[in-house]
Amino acid sequence: VTREEVDCPATRLSQVCAGWRELARSIPILWSDININLYLVPESES
């Protein structure tokens, strides 16, 4: 997670279909790593 975007592969996989959503939500390791970097880059004020 940055100020410009959110890149979460587990969420993208869970949006493919109901079966993949169930499977992705049942695998705890997919959801155990989060990197939040909200450092504001001077060139990018968004």
ModelCIF file with pLDDT and N, C-alpha, C, O atoms, coordinates in Angstrom:
data_MODEL
#
_entry.id   MODEL 
#
_entity.id                         1 
_entity.type                       polymer 
_entity.pdbx_number_of_molecules   1 
#
_entity_poly.entity_id                      1 
_entity_poly.type                           'polypeptide(L)' 
_entity_poly.nstd_linkage                   no 
_entity_poly.nstd_monomer                   no 
_entity_poly.pdbx_seq_one_letter_code       VTREEVDCPATRLSQVCAGWRELARSIPILWSDININLYLVPESES 
_entity_poly.pdbx_seq_one_letter_code_can   VTREEVDCPATRLSQVCAGWRELARSIPILWSDININLYLVPESES 
_entity_poly.pdbx_strand_id                 A 
#
loop_
_entity_poly_seq.entity_id 
_entity_poly_seq.num 
_entity_poly_seq.mon_id 
_entity_poly_seq.hetero 
1 1  VAL n 
1 2  THR n 
1 3  ARG n 
1 4  GLU n 
1 5  GLU n 
1 6  VAL n 
1 7  ASP n 
1 8  CYS n 
1 9  PRO n 
1 10 ALA n 
1 11 THR n 
1 12 ARG n 
1 13 LEU n 
1 14 SER n 
1 15 GLN n 
1 16 VAL n 
1 17 CYS n 
1 18 ALA n 
1 19 GLY n 
1 20 TRP n 
1 21 ARG n 
1 22 GLU n 
1 23 LEU n 
1 24 ALA n 
1 25 ARG n 
1 26 SER n 
1 27 ILE n 
1 28 PRO n 
1 29 ILE n 
1 30 LEU n 
1 31 TRP n 
1 32 SER n 
1 33 ASP n 
1 34 ILE n 
1 35 ASN n 
1 36 ILE n 
1 37 ASN n 
1 38 LEU n 
1 39 TYR n 
1 40 LEU n 
1 41 VAL n 
1 42 PRO n 
1 43 GLU n 
1 44 SER n 
1 45 GLU n 
1 46 SER n 
#
_struct_asym.id          A 
_struct_asym.entity_id   1 
#
loop_
_ma_qa_metric.id 
_ma_qa_metric.mode 
_ma_qa_metric.name 
_ma_qa_metric.software_group_id 
_ma_qa_metric.type 
1 global pLDDT . pLDDT 
2 local  pLDDT . pLDDT 
#
_ma_qa_metric_global.metric_id      1 
_ma_qa_metric_global.metric_value   84.74 
_ma_qa_metric_global.model_id       1 
_ma_qa_metric_global.ordinal_id     1 
#
loop_
_ma_qa_metric_local.label_asym_id 
_ma_qa_metric_local.label_comp_id 
_ma_qa_metric_local.label_seq_id 
_ma_qa_metric_local.metric_id 
_ma_qa_metric_local.metric_value 
_ma_qa_metric_local.model_id 
_ma_qa_metric_local.ordinal_id 
A VAL 1  2 88.00 1 1  
A THR 2  2 84.00 1 2  
A ARG 3  2 78.00 1 3  
A GLU 4  2 79.00 1 4  
A GLU 5  2 82.00 1 5  
A VAL 6  2 87.00 1 6  
A ASP 7  2 91.00 1 7  
A CYS 8  2 93.00 1 8  
A PRO 9  2 94.00 1 9  
A ALA 10 2 94.00 1 10 
A THR 11 2 93.00 1 11 
A ARG 12 2 93.00 1 12 
A LEU 13 2 93.00 1 13 
A SER 14 2 93.00 1 14 
A GLN 15 2 93.00 1 15 
A VAL 16 2 90.00 1 16 
A CYS 17 2 87.00 1 17 
A ALA 18 2 89.00 1 18 
A GLY 19 2 89.00 1 19 
A TRP 20 2 92.00 1 20 
A ARG 21 2 95.00 1 21 
A GLU 22 2 95.00 1 22 
A LEU 23 2 95.00 1 23 
A ALA 24 2 95.00 1 24 
A ARG 25 2 95.00 1 25 
A SER 26 2 95.00 1 26 
A ILE 27 2 94.00 1 27 
A PRO 28 2 94.00 1 28 
A ILE 29 2 92.00 1 29 
A LEU 30 2 93.00 1 30 
A TRP 31 2 94.00 1 31 
A SER 32 2 92.00 1 32 
A ASP 33 2 92.00 1 33 
A ILE 34 2 91.00 1 34 
A ASN 35 2 90.00 1 35 
A ILE 36 2 86.00 1 36 
A ASN 37 2 85.00 1 37 
A LEU 38 2 75.00 1 38 
A TYR 39 2 72.00 1 39 
A LEU 40 2 59.00 1 40 
A VAL 41 2 54.00 1 41 
A PRO 42 2 56.00 1 42 
A GLU 43 2 56.00 1 43 
A SER 44 2 54.00 1 44 
A GLU 45 2 57.00 1 45 
A SER 46 2 60.00 1 46 
#
loop_
_atom_site.group_PDB 
_atom_site.id 
_atom_site.type_symbol 
_atom_site.label_atom_id 
_atom_site.label_alt_id 
_atom_site.label_comp_id 
_atom_site.label_asym_id 
_atom_site.label_entity_id 
_atom_site.label_seq_id 
_atom_site.pdbx_PDB_ins_code 
_atom_site.Cartn_x 
_atom_site.Cartn_y 
_atom_site.Cartn_z 
_atom_site.occupancy 
_atom_site.B_iso_or_equiv 
_atom_site.pdbx_formal_charge 
_atom_site.auth_seq_id 
_atom_site.auth_comp_id 
_atom_site.auth_asym_id 
_atom_site.auth_atom_id 
_atom_site.pdbx_PDB_model_num 
ATOM 1   N N  . VAL A 1 1  ? 0.857   -1.176  0.000   1.00 88.00 ? 1  VAL A N  1 
ATOM 2   C CA . VAL A 1 1  ? 0.000   0.000   0.000   1.00 88.00 ? 1  VAL A CA 1 
ATOM 3   C C  . VAL A 1 1  ? 0.897   1.230   0.000   1.00 88.00 ? 1  VAL A C  1 
ATOM 4   O O  . VAL A 1 1  ? 1.726   1.404   0.893   1.00 88.00 ? 1  VAL A O  1 
ATOM 5   N N  . THR A 1 2  ? 0.727   2.077   -1.002  1.00 84.00 ? 2  THR A N  1 
ATOM 6   C CA . THR A 1 2  ? 1.431   3.359   -1.049  1.00 84.00 ? 2  THR A CA 1 
ATOM 7   C C  . THR A 1 2  ? 0.385   4.450   -1.238  1.00 84.00 ? 2  THR A C  1 
ATOM 8   O O  . THR A 1 2  ? -0.807  4.166   -1.356  1.00 84.00 ? 2  THR A O  1 
ATOM 9   N N  . ARG A 1 3  ? 0.828   5.669   -1.265  1.00 78.00 ? 3  ARG A N  1 
ATOM 10  C CA . ARG A 1 3  ? -0.105  6.776   -1.496  1.00 78.00 ? 3  ARG A CA 1 
ATOM 11  C C  . ARG A 1 3  ? -0.703  6.717   -2.898  1.00 78.00 ? 3  ARG A C  1 
ATOM 12  O O  . ARG A 1 3  ? -1.824  7.179   -3.113  1.00 78.00 ? 3  ARG A O  1 
ATOM 13  N N  . GLU A 1 4  ? 0.030   6.158   -3.845  1.00 79.00 ? 4  GLU A N  1 
ATOM 14  C CA . GLU A 1 4  ? -0.425  6.141   -5.232  1.00 79.00 ? 4  GLU A CA 1 
ATOM 15  C C  . GLU A 1 4  ? -1.267  4.919   -5.581  1.00 79.00 ? 4  GLU A C  1 
ATOM 16  O O  . GLU A 1 4  ? -2.155  5.007   -6.429  1.00 79.00 ? 4  GLU A O  1 
ATOM 17  N N  . GLU A 1 5  ? -1.002  3.773   -4.938  1.00 82.00 ? 5  GLU A N  1 
ATOM 18  C CA . GLU A 1 5  ? -1.696  2.554   -5.350  1.00 82.00 ? 5  GLU A CA 1 
ATOM 19  C C  . GLU A 1 5  ? -1.773  1.529   -4.229  1.00 82.00 ? 5  GLU A C  1 
ATOM 20  O O  . GLU A 1 5  ? -1.059  1.606   -3.230  1.00 82.00 ? 5  GLU A O  1 
ATOM 21  N N  . VAL A 1 6  ? -2.658  0.577   -4.431  1.00 87.00 ? 6  VAL A N  1 
ATOM 22  C CA . VAL A 1 6  ? -2.768  -0.585  -3.562  1.00 87.00 ? 6  VAL A CA 1 
ATOM 23  C C  . VAL A 1 6  ? -2.555  -1.803  -4.445  1.00 87.00 ? 6  VAL A C  1 
ATOM 24  O O  . VAL A 1 6  ? -3.300  -2.015  -5.402  1.00 87.00 ? 6  VAL A O  1 
ATOM 25  N N  . ASP A 1 7  ? -1.544  -2.604  -4.133  1.00 91.00 ? 7  ASP A N  1 
ATOM 26  C CA . ASP A 1 7  ? -1.254  -3.806  -4.908  1.00 91.00 ? 7  ASP A CA 1 
ATOM 27  C C  . ASP A 1 7  ? -1.399  -5.004  -3.979  1.00 91.00 ? 7  ASP A C  1 
ATOM 28  O O  . ASP A 1 7  ? -0.511  -5.296  -3.179  1.00 91.00 ? 7  ASP A O  1 
ATOM 29  N N  . CYS A 1 8  ? -2.521  -5.687  -4.096  1.00 93.00 ? 8  CYS A N  1 
ATOM 30  C CA . CYS A 1 8  ? -2.796  -6.828  -3.219  1.00 93.00 ? 8  CYS A CA 1 
ATOM 31  C C  . CYS A 1 8  ? -3.186  -8.032  -4.078  1.00 93.00 ? 8  CYS A C  1 
ATOM 32  O O  . CYS A 1 8  ? -4.347  -8.168  -4.463  1.00 93.00 ? 8  CYS A O  1 
ATOM 33  N N  . PRO A 1 9  ? -2.215  -8.910  -4.380  1.00 94.00 ? 9  PRO A N  1 
ATOM 34  C CA . PRO A 1 9  ? -2.501  -10.068 -5.225  1.00 94.00 ? 9  PRO A CA 1 
ATOM 35  C C  . PRO A 1 9  ? -3.589  -10.987 -4.658  1.00 94.00 ? 9  PRO A C  1 
ATOM 36  O O  . PRO A 1 9  ? -4.374  -11.550 -5.422  1.00 94.00 ? 9  PRO A O  1 
ATOM 37  N N  . ALA A 1 10 ? -3.647  -11.145 -3.345  1.00 94.00 ? 10 ALA A N  1 
ATOM 38  C CA . ALA A 1 10 ? -4.675  -12.014 -2.748  1.00 94.00 ? 10 ALA A CA 1 
ATOM 39  C C  . ALA A 1 10 ? -6.072  -11.477 -3.033  1.00 94.00 ? 10 ALA A C  1 
ATOM 40  O O  . ALA A 1 10 ? -6.996  -12.244 -3.306  1.00 94.00 ? 10 ALA A O  1 
ATOM 41  N N  . THR A 1 11 ? -6.221  -10.161 -2.970  1.00 93.00 ? 11 THR A N  1 
ATOM 42  C CA . THR A 1 11 ? -7.522  -9.558  -3.277  1.00 93.00 ? 11 THR A CA 1 
ATOM 43  C C  . THR A 1 11 ? -7.875  -9.754  -4.739  1.00 93.00 ? 11 THR A C  1 
ATOM 44  O O  . THR A 1 11 ? -9.019  -10.072 -5.067  1.00 93.00 ? 11 THR A O  1 
ATOM 45  N N  . ARG A 1 12 ? -6.895  -9.566  -5.624  1.00 93.00 ? 12 ARG A N  1 
ATOM 46  C CA . ARG A 1 12 ? -7.164  -9.763  -7.056  1.00 93.00 ? 12 ARG A CA 1 
ATOM 47  C C  . ARG A 1 12 ? -7.574  -11.201 -7.342  1.00 93.00 ? 12 ARG A C  1 
ATOM 48  O O  . ARG A 1 12 ? -8.510  -11.433 -8.107  1.00 93.00 ? 12 ARG A O  1 
ATOM 49  N N  . LEU A 1 13 ? -6.889  -12.170 -6.740  1.00 93.00 ? 13 LEU A N  1 
ATOM 50  C CA . LEU A 1 13 ? -7.268  -13.574 -6.940  1.00 93.00 ? 13 LEU A CA 1 
ATOM 51  C C  . LEU A 1 13 ? -8.678  -13.848 -6.433  1.00 93.00 ? 13 LEU A C  1 
ATOM 52  O O  . LEU A 1 13 ? -9.431  -14.607 -7.043  1.00 93.00 ? 13 LEU A O  1 
ATOM 53  N N  . SER A 1 14 ? -9.023  -13.228 -5.323  1.00 93.00 ? 14 SER A N  1 
ATOM 54  C CA . SER A 1 14 ? -10.348 -13.489 -4.745  1.00 93.00 ? 14 SER A CA 1 
ATOM 55  C C  . SER A 1 14 ? -11.464 -12.832 -5.537  1.00 93.00 ? 14 SER A C  1 
ATOM 56  O O  . SER A 1 14 ? -12.639 -13.080 -5.266  1.00 93.00 ? 14 SER A O  1 
ATOM 57  N N  . GLN A 1 15 ? -11.118 -11.994 -6.513  1.00 93.00 ? 15 GLN A N  1 
ATOM 58  C CA . GLN A 1 15 ? -12.137 -11.346 -7.335  1.00 93.00 ? 15 GLN A CA 1 
ATOM 59  C C  . GLN A 1 15 ? -12.384 -12.071 -8.653  1.00 93.00 ? 15 GLN A C  1 
ATOM 60  O O  . GLN A 1 15 ? -13.223 -11.636 -9.442  1.00 93.00 ? 15 GLN A O  1 
ATOM 61  N N  . VAL A 1 16 ? -11.672 -13.167 -8.906  1.00 90.00 ? 16 VAL A N  1 
ATOM 62  C CA . VAL A 1 16 ? -11.831 -13.891 -10.172 1.00 90.00 ? 16 VAL A CA 1 
ATOM 63  C C  . VAL A 1 16 ? -13.177 -14.596 -10.235 1.00 90.00 ? 16 VAL A C  1 
ATOM 64  O O  . VAL A 1 16 ? -13.924 -14.424 -11.198 1.00 90.00 ? 16 VAL A O  1 
ATOM 65  N N  . CYS A 1 17 ? -13.489 -15.382 -9.225  1.00 87.00 ? 17 CYS A N  1 
ATOM 66  C CA . CYS A 1 17 ? -14.768 -16.094 -9.190  1.00 87.00 ? 17 CYS A CA 1 
ATOM 67  C C  . CYS A 1 17 ? -15.040 -16.515 -7.749  1.00 87.00 ? 17 CYS A C  1 
ATOM 68  O O  . CYS A 1 17 ? -14.182 -16.381 -6.877  1.00 87.00 ? 17 CYS A O  1 
ATOM 69  N N  . ALA A 1 18 ? -16.227 -17.015 -7.518  1.00 89.00 ? 18 ALA A N  1 
ATOM 70  C CA . ALA A 1 18 ? -16.621 -17.402 -6.156  1.00 89.00 ? 18 ALA A CA 1 
ATOM 71  C C  . ALA A 1 18 ? -15.735 -18.524 -5.608  1.00 89.00 ? 18 ALA A C  1 
ATOM 72  O O  . ALA A 1 18 ? -15.386 -18.519 -4.428  1.00 89.00 ? 18 ALA A O  1 
ATOM 73  N N  . GLY A 1 19 ? -15.375 -19.475 -6.458  1.00 89.00 ? 19 GLY A N  1 
ATOM 74  C CA . GLY A 1 19 ? -14.521 -20.586 -6.017  1.00 89.00 ? 19 GLY A CA 1 
ATOM 75  C C  . GLY A 1 19 ? -13.144 -20.114 -5.591  1.00 89.00 ? 19 GLY A C  1 
ATOM 76  O O  . GLY A 1 19 ? -12.623 -20.536 -4.559  1.00 89.00 ? 19 GLY A O  1 
ATOM 77  N N  . TRP A 1 20 ? -12.561 -19.236 -6.391  1.00 92.00 ? 20 TRP A N  1 
ATOM 78  C CA . TRP A 1 20 ? -11.240 -18.700 -6.051  1.00 92.00 ? 20 TRP A CA 1 
ATOM 79  C C  . TRP A 1 20 ? -11.327 -17.816 -4.815  1.00 92.00 ? 20 TRP A C  1 
ATOM 80  O O  . TRP A 1 20 ? -10.400 -17.796 -4.006  1.00 92.00 ? 20 TRP A O  1 
ATOM 81  N N  . ARG A 1 21 ? -12.433 -17.081 -4.655  1.00 95.00 ? 21 ARG A N  1 
ATOM 82  C CA . ARG A 1 21 ? -12.598 -16.238 -3.467  1.00 95.00 ? 21 ARG A CA 1 
ATOM 83  C C  . ARG A 1 21 ? -12.616 -17.107 -2.215  1.00 95.00 ? 21 ARG A C  1 
ATOM 84  O O  . ARG A 1 21 ? -11.940 -16.800 -1.234  1.00 95.00 ? 21 ARG A O  1 
ATOM 85  N N  . GLU A 1 22 ? -13.382 -18.182 -2.245  1.00 95.00 ? 22 GLU A N  1 
ATOM 86  C CA . GLU A 1 22 ? -13.444 -19.086 -1.096  1.00 95.00 ? 22 GLU A CA 1 
ATOM 87  C C  . GLU A 1 22 ? -12.074 -19.665 -0.781  1.00 95.00 ? 22 GLU A C  1 
ATOM 88  O O  . GLU A 1 22 ? -11.652 -19.708 0.375   1.00 95.00 ? 22 GLU A O  1 
ATOM 89  N N  . LEU A 1 23 ? -11.377 -20.114 -1.840  1.00 95.00 ? 23 LEU A N  1 
ATOM 90  C CA . LEU A 1 23 ? -10.067 -20.717 -1.640  1.00 95.00 ? 23 LEU A CA 1 
ATOM 91  C C  . LEU A 1 23 ? -9.069  -19.688 -1.105  1.00 95.00 ? 23 LEU A C  1 
ATOM 92  O O  . LEU A 1 23 ? -8.350  -19.971 -0.146  1.00 95.00 ? 23 LEU A O  1 
ATOM 93  N N  . ALA A 1 24 ? -9.016  -18.513 -1.703  1.00 95.00 ? 24 ALA A N  1 
ATOM 94  C CA . ALA A 1 24 ? -8.070  -17.480 -1.255  1.00 95.00 ? 24 ALA A CA 1 
ATOM 95  C C  . ALA A 1 24 ? -8.345  -17.070 0.189   1.00 95.00 ? 24 ALA A C  1 
ATOM 96  O O  . ALA A 1 24 ? -7.414  -16.871 0.969   1.00 95.00 ? 24 ALA A O  1 
ATOM 97  N N  . ARG A 1 25 ? -9.607  -16.945 0.541   1.00 95.00 ? 25 ARG A N  1 
ATOM 98  C CA . ARG A 1 25 ? -9.956  -16.548 1.907   1.00 95.00 ? 25 ARG A CA 1 
ATOM 99  C C  . ARG A 1 25 ? -9.668  -17.654 2.921   1.00 95.00 ? 25 ARG A C  1 
ATOM 100 O O  . ARG A 1 25 ? -9.596  -17.388 4.121   1.00 95.00 ? 25 ARG A O  1 
ATOM 101 N N  . SER A 1 26 ? -9.503  -18.886 2.451   1.00 95.00 ? 26 SER A N  1 
ATOM 102 C CA . SER A 1 26 ? -9.239  -20.005 3.367   1.00 95.00 ? 26 SER A CA 1 
ATOM 103 C C  . SER A 1 26 ? -7.746  -20.272 3.560   1.00 95.00 ? 26 SER A C  1 
ATOM 104 O O  . SER A 1 26 ? -7.375  -21.173 4.313   1.00 95.00 ? 26 SER A O  1 
ATOM 105 N N  . ILE A 1 27 ? -6.884  -19.500 2.890   1.00 94.00 ? 27 ILE A N  1 
ATOM 106 C CA . ILE A 1 27 ? -5.438  -19.691 3.004   1.00 94.00 ? 27 ILE A CA 1 
ATOM 107 C C  . ILE A 1 27 ? -4.851  -18.512 3.786   1.00 94.00 ? 27 ILE A C  1 
ATOM 108 O O  . ILE A 1 27 ? -4.606  -17.454 3.206   1.00 94.00 ? 27 ILE A O  1 
ATOM 109 N N  . PRO A 1 28 ? -4.626  -18.677 5.080   1.00 94.00 ? 28 PRO A N  1 
ATOM 110 C CA . PRO A 1 28 ? -4.183  -17.558 5.925   1.00 94.00 ? 28 PRO A CA 1 
ATOM 111 C C  . PRO A 1 28 ? -2.863  -16.923 5.484   1.00 94.00 ? 28 PRO A C  1 
ATOM 112 O O  . PRO A 1 28 ? -2.681  -15.715 5.639   1.00 94.00 ? 28 PRO A O  1 
ATOM 113 N N  . ILE A 1 29 ? -1.951  -17.711 4.944   1.00 92.00 ? 29 ILE A N  1 
ATOM 114 C CA . ILE A 1 29 ? -0.637  -17.181 4.577   1.00 92.00 ? 29 ILE A CA 1 
ATOM 115 C C  . ILE A 1 29 ? -0.726  -16.102 3.493   1.00 92.00 ? 29 ILE A C  1 
ATOM 116 O O  . ILE A 1 29 ? 0.153   -15.245 3.403   1.00 92.00 ? 29 ILE A O  1 
ATOM 117 N N  . LEU A 1 30 ? -1.771  -16.136 2.677   1.00 93.00 ? 30 LEU A N  1 
ATOM 118 C CA . LEU A 1 30 ? -1.931  -15.125 1.628   1.00 93.00 ? 30 LEU A CA 1 
ATOM 119 C C  . LEU A 1 30 ? -2.184  -13.741 2.217   1.00 93.00 ? 30 LEU A C  1 
ATOM 120 O O  . LEU A 1 30 ? -1.903  -12.729 1.576   1.00 93.00 ? 30 LEU A O  1 
ATOM 121 N N  . TRP A 1 31 ? -2.708  -13.699 3.421   1.00 94.00 ? 31 TRP A N  1 
ATOM 122 C CA . TRP A 1 31 ? -3.146  -12.446 4.034   1.00 94.00 ? 31 TRP A CA 1 
ATOM 123 C C  . TRP A 1 31 ? -2.221  -12.002 5.173   1.00 94.00 ? 31 TRP A C  1 
ATOM 124 O O  . TRP A 1 31 ? -2.567  -11.092 5.927   1.00 94.00 ? 31 TRP A O  1 
ATOM 125 N N  . SER A 1 32 ? -1.052  -12.633 5.304   1.00 92.00 ? 32 SER A N  1 
ATOM 126 C CA . SER A 1 32 ? -0.220  -12.374 6.476   1.00 92.00 ? 32 SER A CA 1 
ATOM 127 C C  . SER A 1 32 ? 0.933   -11.398 6.239   1.00 92.00 ? 32 SER A C  1 
ATOM 128 O O  . SER A 1 32 ? 1.758   -11.211 7.133   1.00 92.00 ? 32 SER A O  1 
ATOM 129 N N  . ASP A 1 33 ? 1.016   -10.775 5.073   1.00 92.00 ? 33 ASP A N  1 
ATOM 130 C CA . ASP A 1 33 ? 2.126   -9.869  4.781   1.00 92.00 ? 33 ASP A CA 1 
ATOM 131 C C  . ASP A 1 33 ? 1.595   -8.558  4.194   1.00 92.00 ? 33 ASP A C  1 
ATOM 132 O O  . ASP A 1 33 ? 1.024   -8.544  3.104   1.00 92.00 ? 33 ASP A O  1 
ATOM 133 N N  . ILE A 1 34 ? 1.787   -7.469  4.922   1.00 91.00 ? 34 ILE A N  1 
ATOM 134 C CA . ILE A 1 34 ? 1.308   -6.157  4.474   1.00 91.00 ? 34 ILE A CA 1 
ATOM 135 C C  . ILE A 1 34 ? 2.463   -5.162  4.582   1.00 91.00 ? 34 ILE A C  1 
ATOM 136 O O  . ILE A 1 34 ? 3.155   -5.106  5.599   1.00 91.00 ? 34 ILE A O  1 
ATOM 137 N N  . ASN A 1 35 ? 2.659   -4.388  3.532   1.00 90.00 ? 35 ASN A N  1 
ATOM 138 C CA . ASN A 1 35 ? 3.671   -3.346  3.525   1.00 90.00 ? 35 ASN A CA 1 
ATOM 139 C C  . ASN A 1 35 ? 2.974   -2.026  3.232   1.00 90.00 ? 35 ASN A C  1 
ATOM 140 O O  . ASN A 1 35 ? 2.489   -1.806  2.122   1.00 90.00 ? 35 ASN A O  1 
ATOM 141 N N  . ILE A 1 36 ? 2.925   -1.148  4.229   1.00 86.00 ? 36 ILE A N  1 
ATOM 142 C CA . ILE A 1 36 ? 2.257   0.145   4.070   1.00 86.00 ? 36 ILE A CA 1 
ATOM 143 C C  . ILE A 1 36 ? 3.323   1.231   4.084   1.00 86.00 ? 36 ILE A C  1 
ATOM 144 O O  . ILE A 1 36 ? 3.990   1.453   5.095   1.00 86.00 ? 36 ILE A O  1 
ATOM 145 N N  . ASN A 1 37 ? 3.472   1.896   2.959   1.00 85.00 ? 37 ASN A N  1 
ATOM 146 C CA . ASN A 1 37 ? 4.466   2.952   2.819   1.00 85.00 ? 37 ASN A CA 1 
ATOM 147 C C  . ASN A 1 37 ? 3.749   4.218   2.371   1.00 85.00 ? 37 ASN A C  1 
ATOM 148 O O  . ASN A 1 37 ? 3.411   4.365   1.196   1.00 85.00 ? 37 ASN A O  1 
ATOM 149 N N  . LEU A 1 38 ? 3.519   5.124   3.301   1.00 75.00 ? 38 LEU A N  1 
ATOM 150 C CA . LEU A 1 38 ? 2.794   6.353   2.985   1.00 75.00 ? 38 LEU A CA 1 
ATOM 151 C C  . LEU A 1 38 ? 3.725   7.558   2.904   1.00 75.00 ? 38 LEU A C  1 
ATOM 152 O O  . LEU A 1 38 ? 3.283   8.702   3.016   1.00 75.00 ? 38 LEU A O  1 
ATOM 153 N N  . TYR A 1 39 ? 5.002   7.298   2.710   1.00 72.00 ? 39 TYR A N  1 
ATOM 154 C CA . TYR A 1 39 ? 5.974   8.371   2.544   1.00 72.00 ? 39 TYR A CA 1 
ATOM 155 C C  . TYR A 1 39 ? 5.609   9.156   1.293   1.00 72.00 ? 39 TYR A C  1 
ATOM 156 O O  . TYR A 1 39 ? 5.427   8.572   0.224   1.00 72.00 ? 39 TYR A O  1 
ATOM 157 N N  . LEU A 1 40 ? 5.503   10.454  1.413   1.00 59.00 ? 40 LEU A N  1 
ATOM 158 C CA . LEU A 1 40 ? 5.087   11.299  0.295   1.00 59.00 ? 40 LEU A CA 1 
ATOM 159 C C  . LEU A 1 40 ? 6.300   11.688  -0.536  1.00 59.00 ? 40 LEU A C  1 
ATOM 160 O O  . LEU A 1 40 ? 7.195   12.383  -0.055  1.00 59.00 ? 40 LEU A O  1 
ATOM 161 N N  . VAL A 1 41 ? 6.323   11.242  -1.767  1.00 54.00 ? 41 VAL A N  1 
ATOM 162 C CA . VAL A 1 41 ? 7.386   11.598  -2.697  1.00 54.00 ? 41 VAL A CA 1 
ATOM 163 C C  . VAL A 1 41 ? 7.124   13.025  -3.175  1.00 54.00 ? 41 VAL A C  1 
ATOM 164 O O  . VAL A 1 41 ? 6.006   13.325  -3.595  1.00 54.00 ? 41 VAL A O  1 
ATOM 165 N N  . PRO A 1 42 ? 8.120   13.917  -3.124  1.00 56.00 ? 42 PRO A N  1 
ATOM 166 C CA . PRO A 1 42 ? 7.878   15.321  -3.481  1.00 56.00 ? 42 PRO A CA 1 
ATOM 167 C C  . PRO A 1 42 ? 7.296   15.531  -4.875  1.00 56.00 ? 42 PRO A C  1 
ATOM 168 O O  . PRO A 1 42 ? 6.460   16.414  -5.064  1.00 56.00 ? 42 PRO A O  1 
ATOM 169 N N  . GLU A 1 43 ? 7.725   14.730  -5.859  1.00 56.00 ? 43 GLU A N  1 
ATOM 170 C CA . GLU A 1 43 ? 7.197   14.906  -7.220  1.00 56.00 ? 43 GLU A CA 1 
ATOM 171 C C  . GLU A 1 43 ? 5.738   14.484  -7.331  1.00 56.00 ? 43 GLU A C  1 
ATOM 172 O O  . GLU A 1 43 ? 5.009   14.963  -8.200  1.00 56.00 ? 43 GLU A O  1 
ATOM 173 N N  . SER A 1 44 ? 5.322   13.591  -6.451  1.00 54.00 ? 44 SER A N  1 
ATOM 174 C CA . SER A 1 44 ? 3.968   13.046  -6.535  1.00 54.00 ? 44 SER A CA 1 
ATOM 175 C C  . SER A 1 44 ? 3.163   13.474  -5.315  1.00 54.00 ? 44 SER A C  1 
ATOM 176 O O  . SER A 1 44 ? 3.331   12.923  -4.227  1.00 54.00 ? 44 SER A O  1 
ATOM 177 N N  . GLU A 1 45 ? 2.305   14.438  -5.496  1.00 57.00 ? 45 GLU A N  1 
ATOM 178 C CA . GLU A 1 45 ? 1.480   14.941  -4.404  1.00 57.00 ? 45 GLU A CA 1 
ATOM 179 C C  . GLU A 1 45 ? 0.124   14.235  -4.338  1.00 57.00 ? 45 GLU A C  1 
ATOM 180 O O  . GLU A 1 45 ? -0.699  14.562  -3.482  1.00 57.00 ? 45 GLU A O  1 
ATOM 181 N N  . SER A 1 46 ? -0.116  13.273  -5.231  1.00 60.00 ? 46 SER A N  1 
ATOM 182 C CA . SER A 1 46 ? -1.430  12.617  -5.258  1.00 60.00 ? 46 SER A CA 1 
ATOM 183 C C  . SER A 1 46 ? -1.562  11.655  -4.080  1.00 60.00 ? 46 SER A C  1 
ATOM 184 O O  . SER A 1 46 ? -2.597  11.006  -3.927  1.00 60.00 ? 46 SER A O  1 
#
